[in-house]
Protein backbone atom coordinates (compact mmCIF):
# COMPACT_ATOMS: atom_id res chain seq x y z
CA MET A 1 20.02 110.85 101.62
CA ASN A 2 17.87 112.77 104.30
CA LYS A 3 19.79 115.77 105.64
CA HIS A 4 17.13 117.41 107.43
CA ARG A 5 15.75 115.24 109.68
CA HIS A 6 19.71 115.17 111.01
CA LYS A 7 19.92 118.78 111.00
CA GLY A 8 19.97 120.36 114.84
CA ILE A 9 17.22 122.88 115.06
CA GLU A 10 20.32 125.97 114.90
CA ASN A 11 16.97 128.51 115.29
CA GLN A 12 16.18 128.24 119.23
CA LEU A 13 13.41 130.59 119.36
CA PRO A 14 10.11 129.67 121.30
CA VAL A 15 7.63 128.27 118.56
CA ASN A 16 5.28 130.62 118.79
CA GLU A 17 7.63 133.05 118.42
CA LEU A 18 8.92 131.41 115.27
CA LEU A 19 5.58 130.60 113.73
CA ALA A 20 4.74 134.72 113.97
CA ARG A 21 7.92 135.22 112.06
CA ALA A 22 7.19 132.69 109.73
CA HIS A 23 3.76 134.29 109.25
CA LYS A 24 5.03 137.61 108.65
CA GLY A 25 7.47 135.83 106.20
CA ASP A 26 10.55 135.55 107.77
CA ALA A 27 12.17 133.28 104.90
CA ASP A 28 14.69 131.89 107.75
CA SER A 29 11.61 131.92 110.91
CA GLN A 30 9.46 130.09 107.80
CA TYR A 31 12.29 127.25 106.68
CA TRP A 32 13.04 126.63 110.79
CA ALA A 33 9.42 126.20 111.29
CA GLY A 34 9.03 124.00 108.55
CA VAL A 35 11.94 121.97 110.02
CA ARG A 36 9.86 121.70 113.21
CA TYR A 37 6.64 120.59 111.66
CA LEU A 38 8.73 117.34 109.73
CA ARG A 39 9.87 116.88 112.55
CA ALA A 40 7.39 117.16 115.25
CA GLU A 41 9.55 119.69 117.66
CA GLY A 42 7.16 122.29 119.68
CA VAL A 43 4.39 121.40 117.03
CA ALA A 44 1.99 118.51 115.72
CA GLU A 45 4.11 116.28 112.55
CA ASP A 46 2.59 118.25 109.53
CA ALA A 47 4.77 117.45 105.92
CA GLY A 48 2.58 119.55 103.99
CA GLU A 49 2.45 122.36 106.14
CA ALA A 50 6.43 121.99 106.57
CA PHE A 51 6.51 122.38 102.49
CA ARG A 52 4.47 125.15 102.07
CA LEU A 53 6.38 127.21 105.23
CA CYS A 54 9.90 125.98 103.28
CA GLN A 55 8.65 127.08 99.52
CA ALA A 56 7.22 130.07 100.46
CA ALA A 57 11.05 130.74 101.99
CA ALA A 58 12.46 128.67 98.91
CA VAL A 59 10.98 131.59 96.63
CA GLN A 60 12.54 134.05 98.57
CA GLY A 61 15.92 132.87 98.04
CA HIS A 62 16.36 131.06 101.11
CA ALA A 63 19.07 128.26 100.02
CA ARG A 64 18.69 125.67 102.71
CA ALA A 65 14.60 126.37 101.98
CA GLN A 66 15.67 125.10 98.31
CA ALA A 67 16.91 122.30 99.31
CA PHE A 68 14.54 120.88 101.52
CA VAL A 69 11.73 121.63 98.38
CA GLY A 70 14.08 119.70 96.23
CA TYR A 71 14.02 116.58 99.02
CA CYS A 72 10.27 116.86 99.02
CA TYR A 73 10.40 116.38 95.42
CA SER A 74 13.01 114.22 95.07
CA ARG A 75 11.52 111.65 97.65
CA GLY A 76 7.24 112.27 97.42
CA VAL A 77 7.33 113.76 100.78
CA ALA A 78 4.22 115.91 100.88
CA VAL A 79 4.05 116.90 97.06
CA PRO A 80 3.98 114.04 94.25
CA LEU A 81 7.05 112.89 93.50
CA ARG A 82 8.71 115.26 90.72
CA PRO A 83 12.57 114.62 89.68
CA ARG A 84 12.62 117.37 87.70
CA LEU A 85 11.52 119.77 90.08
CA ALA A 86 13.71 118.09 92.54
CA VAL A 87 17.10 118.85 90.33
CA GLN A 88 15.65 122.66 89.69
CA TRP A 89 15.46 123.24 93.54
CA TYR A 90 18.73 121.17 93.91
CA ARG A 91 20.34 123.79 91.32
CA ARG A 92 19.14 126.99 92.63
CA SER A 93 20.41 126.15 96.30
CA ALA A 94 23.78 124.78 95.15
CA ARG A 95 24.60 127.38 93.52
CA GLN A 96 24.19 129.36 96.60
CA GLY A 97 26.42 126.90 97.71
CA TYR A 98 24.32 124.87 100.05
CA VAL A 99 26.38 121.87 100.92
CA SER A 100 23.21 119.22 100.88
CA ALA A 101 22.30 120.26 97.77
CA GLU A 102 25.76 120.63 96.31
CA TYR A 103 25.50 116.78 97.59
CA SER A 104 22.32 115.79 96.12
CA LEU A 105 22.04 117.97 92.61
CA GLY A 106 25.69 115.13 92.29
CA THR A 107 24.20 112.42 92.93
CA LEU A 108 21.07 112.84 91.12
CA TYR A 109 23.34 113.50 87.70
CA LEU A 110 25.23 110.83 88.81
CA HIS A 111 22.14 108.17 88.39
CA GLY A 112 20.23 109.93 85.72
CA LYS A 113 17.35 111.17 88.23
CA GLY A 114 15.26 114.40 87.15
CA VAL A 115 18.19 114.73 85.00
CA LYS A 116 19.45 113.41 81.79
CA LYS A 117 22.97 111.39 83.37
CA ASN A 118 26.16 113.47 83.20
CA ILE A 119 29.59 112.13 85.42
CA ARG A 120 31.50 115.70 84.76
CA LEU A 121 29.01 117.55 86.32
CA ALA A 122 27.61 114.84 88.66
CA VAL A 123 32.09 114.94 90.13
CA ARG A 124 31.74 118.73 89.52
CA TRP A 125 28.71 118.99 92.18
CA LEU A 126 29.96 116.13 94.14
CA ASP A 127 33.74 117.80 94.57
CA ARG A 128 32.41 121.25 95.78
CA ALA A 129 30.40 119.69 98.48
CA ALA A 130 33.74 117.68 99.04
CA ALA A 131 36.00 120.67 99.10
CA GLN A 132 33.48 122.04 102.04
CA GLY A 133 33.77 119.14 104.51
CA ASP A 134 31.25 117.23 103.45
CA ALA A 135 31.59 113.12 104.56
CA ASP A 136 29.10 111.65 101.85
CA ALA A 137 30.37 113.31 99.20
CA GLN A 138 33.94 112.70 99.96
CA LEU A 139 33.08 108.53 100.24
CA LEU A 140 30.66 109.13 97.21
CA LEU A 141 33.92 110.39 94.70
CA GLY A 142 36.39 108.35 96.29
CA ARG A 143 34.18 105.43 95.11
CA LEU A 144 34.18 106.47 91.92
CA TYR A 145 37.78 106.98 91.61
CA HIS A 146 38.94 103.68 93.07
CA ALA A 147 35.67 101.46 91.27
CA GLY A 148 37.01 103.43 87.44
CA ASP A 149 33.73 102.56 85.78
CA GLU A 150 32.29 105.90 85.72
CA VAL A 151 35.82 108.15 85.37
CA VAL A 152 38.95 107.05 85.00
CA ARG A 153 40.59 105.21 88.55
CA ASP A 154 42.61 107.31 89.78
CA ASP A 155 43.93 105.69 93.12
CA CYS A 156 45.60 108.55 94.48
CA ARG A 157 42.15 110.57 94.69
CA ALA A 158 40.21 107.69 95.73
CA PHE A 159 42.78 107.69 98.45
CA ARG A 160 42.82 111.59 99.27
CA TYR A 161 38.64 111.54 99.20
CA PHE A 162 38.82 108.00 101.50
CA ARG A 163 41.24 109.97 104.23
CA ALA A 164 38.94 112.62 103.85
CA ALA A 165 35.73 111.45 104.53
CA ALA A 166 37.80 108.55 107.53
CA GLU A 167 38.85 111.75 109.37
CA HIS A 168 35.17 112.18 109.84
CA GLY A 169 34.56 108.78 110.78
CA LYS A 170 33.01 107.16 108.47
CA ALA A 171 33.24 103.33 108.75
CA GLU A 172 33.72 102.19 105.57
CA ALA A 173 36.54 105.61 104.09
CA GLU A 174 38.27 104.10 106.72
CA TYR A 175 38.45 100.78 106.03
CA MET A 176 39.31 101.82 102.39
CA THR A 177 42.66 104.16 103.41
CA ALA A 178 43.69 100.87 105.65
CA GLU A 179 43.11 99.30 102.37
CA ALA A 180 45.07 101.68 100.35
CA LEU A 181 47.80 102.21 103.11
CA PHE A 182 47.77 98.23 103.26
CA HIS A 183 48.76 97.98 99.05
CA GLY A 184 50.14 101.56 98.18
CA GLU A 185 47.64 101.84 96.23
CA GLY A 186 47.92 106.05 95.56
CA VAL A 187 50.10 106.23 98.50
CA ASP A 188 53.32 104.83 100.43
CA PRO A 189 52.42 101.43 101.65
CA ASP A 190 52.24 102.23 105.98
CA PRO A 191 50.91 98.98 107.27
CA LEU A 192 51.21 100.74 110.56
CA THR A 193 48.89 103.09 109.76
CA SER A 194 46.47 101.26 107.83
CA PHE A 195 46.06 98.76 111.44
CA VAL A 196 44.85 102.41 112.87
CA TRP A 197 42.42 102.88 109.98
CA LEU A 198 41.38 99.37 110.13
CA ASP A 199 40.56 99.00 113.93
CA ARG A 200 38.60 102.05 113.84
CA ALA A 201 36.50 100.87 111.30
CA ALA A 202 35.98 97.41 112.48
CA ALA A 203 35.33 99.42 116.07
CA LYS A 204 32.23 100.69 114.26
CA GLY A 205 31.07 96.93 113.17
CA PHE A 206 32.64 97.46 109.45
CA GLU A 207 31.77 93.92 108.49
CA ALA A 208 34.74 93.57 106.18
CA ALA A 209 36.94 95.64 108.64
CA VAL A 210 36.02 93.15 111.48
CA GLU A 211 36.20 89.90 109.13
CA ILE A 212 40.10 91.18 108.14
CA ARG A 213 40.84 92.62 112.15
CA GLU A 214 40.23 89.04 112.91
CA ARG A 215 42.72 87.54 110.58
CA PHE A 216 45.45 89.77 111.65
CA ASP A 217 44.69 89.48 115.31
CA GLY A 218 44.82 85.17 114.55
CA PHE A 219 48.26 83.88 116.01
CA VAL A 220 50.73 82.15 113.90
CA SER A 221 54.37 80.60 115.01
CA PHE A 222 57.21 82.98 114.39
CA ASP A 223 61.06 82.08 114.21
CA PRO A 224 62.75 85.11 114.09
CA ALA A 225 66.26 83.40 112.45
CA ARG A 226 64.05 81.73 109.91
CA GLU A 227 62.61 84.84 108.96
CA GLY A 228 66.34 86.04 108.88
CA PHE A 229 66.14 88.17 111.84
CA GLY A 230 68.82 87.57 112.98
CA PRO A 231 70.24 86.92 116.95
CA SER A 232 67.11 86.87 118.47
CA PRO A 233 66.23 87.04 122.37
CA VAL A 234 64.38 84.51 122.23
CA ASP A 235 65.81 81.05 120.50
CA ASN A 236 62.54 79.04 119.70
CA PRO A 237 59.37 80.09 117.41
CA VAL A 238 57.19 82.03 119.11
CA PRO A 239 52.75 82.68 118.73
CA VAL A 240 52.47 86.35 117.75
CA ARG A 241 49.69 87.68 115.78
CA LEU A 242 50.01 88.24 112.35
CA ARG A 243 49.66 92.15 112.23
CA THR A 244 53.07 92.17 114.22
CA VAL A 245 54.48 90.01 111.84
CA VAL A 246 53.42 91.78 108.90
CA THR A 247 54.76 95.49 111.08
CA MET A 248 58.32 93.57 111.14
CA LYS A 249 58.75 92.77 108.00
CA PHE A 250 57.64 96.51 107.06
CA LEU A 251 60.15 98.11 109.68
CA GLY A 252 62.97 95.21 108.88
CA ARG A 253 63.55 95.00 112.39
CA LEU A 254 62.12 92.78 115.21
CA CYS A 255 59.54 94.52 117.41
CA LEU A 256 59.98 93.43 120.93
CA HIS A 257 57.31 95.04 122.78
CA LEU A 258 54.71 93.60 120.80
CA MET A 259 56.09 90.14 120.31
CA ALA A 260 55.74 89.48 124.48
CA ARG A 261 52.56 90.99 124.48
CA ASP A 262 51.11 89.12 121.93
CA ILE A 263 52.78 85.76 123.89
CA HIS A 264 51.36 86.95 126.91
CA ASP A 265 47.84 87.30 124.94
CA TYR A 266 48.33 83.53 123.75
CA ILE A 267 49.06 82.29 127.31
CA GLY A 268 46.30 83.93 128.89
CA THR A 269 43.84 81.05 126.31
CA HIS A 270 47.16 78.18 126.15
CA THR A 271 47.76 77.74 130.05
CA GLU A 272 50.30 75.09 128.84
CA ASP A 273 51.98 77.31 127.61
CA ALA A 274 52.47 80.04 130.55
CA ASP A 275 55.63 78.37 132.14
CA ALA A 276 57.33 78.87 128.64
CA GLY A 277 55.55 82.35 127.35
CA TYR A 278 56.18 84.08 130.85
CA ARG A 279 60.09 83.67 130.12
CA ASP A 280 60.27 84.53 126.75
CA ILE A 281 58.20 87.56 127.71
CA ALA A 282 61.01 87.98 130.39
CA ARG A 283 64.03 87.82 127.80
CA LEU A 284 61.95 89.86 125.33
CA LEU A 285 61.05 92.72 127.40
CA GLU A 286 64.82 93.30 128.86
CA ALA A 287 66.10 93.34 125.90
CA ALA A 288 63.77 96.01 124.60
CA ARG A 289 64.66 97.82 127.84
CA ARG A 290 68.35 97.15 127.24
CA SER A 291 67.95 98.49 123.49
CA GLY A 292 65.37 101.30 123.85
CA GLU A 293 62.86 99.99 121.36
CA PRO A 294 59.88 102.68 121.40
CA VAL A 295 56.55 101.22 122.00
CA LEU A 296 54.54 101.28 118.34
CA PRO A 297 51.37 103.88 119.20
CA PHE A 298 49.29 101.03 117.89
CA VAL A 299 49.33 98.86 120.90
CA ALA A 300 49.71 101.29 123.41
């Protein structure tokens, strides 16, 4: 993964001054000048000059420049593809605690590129990156512990890593967090919170989340008496979303606000049921008012 092209230019010196300092041997200026040449920001794109400047900074011990050189060797950018050299430069950078190098070194050990495959070392470096908040490392570790192919399956660890990556907005991690919460994999079941994460992943267009949300948003006929919920303000089956049924079963009680909202949405496209629907909505909302039922946050 190329994290250099997406890195913001933190060194805001004018280009001429930045290049002057770089030519005088300032390692940080050399690195940022290299990034500018690679991204053609303020200068003409020149991958060769980018590599030359960053290599000069790397030999001075600049961690980001070392990772840059490792990236170039791992992808064949401006230099021949040489995975072993990539590993060497990533390792130098990772030993200084540079998170992108930790992640990249972990993936090289994981896939055996430029170095003998070593899952223990892969997890070690990925875990270091994850501890610094690297969402890619968190997501990858979640996949590893969830699959249980390369490491012993551990749903608790998988959930912690997925949840951490989800907090950074990774759609796949949001979906996997939703799945774990819904099925109780590595965490106590919590369908309500599961729907929150499912909606976030679906909003980003994550295909599996979109498909499942559509299924849970589908209308089903719900009869409170038949489902064993006891007395209800509505004495007939009503159309509600599958997610509402799941929520009520999880909470062990009727969710009157949710039922009313679902009926309202249903009659919007089934106008032939409008009269009966509005009567049911009125009864449900009045019963909710009398009982002081709270409105669930994911439908607020």
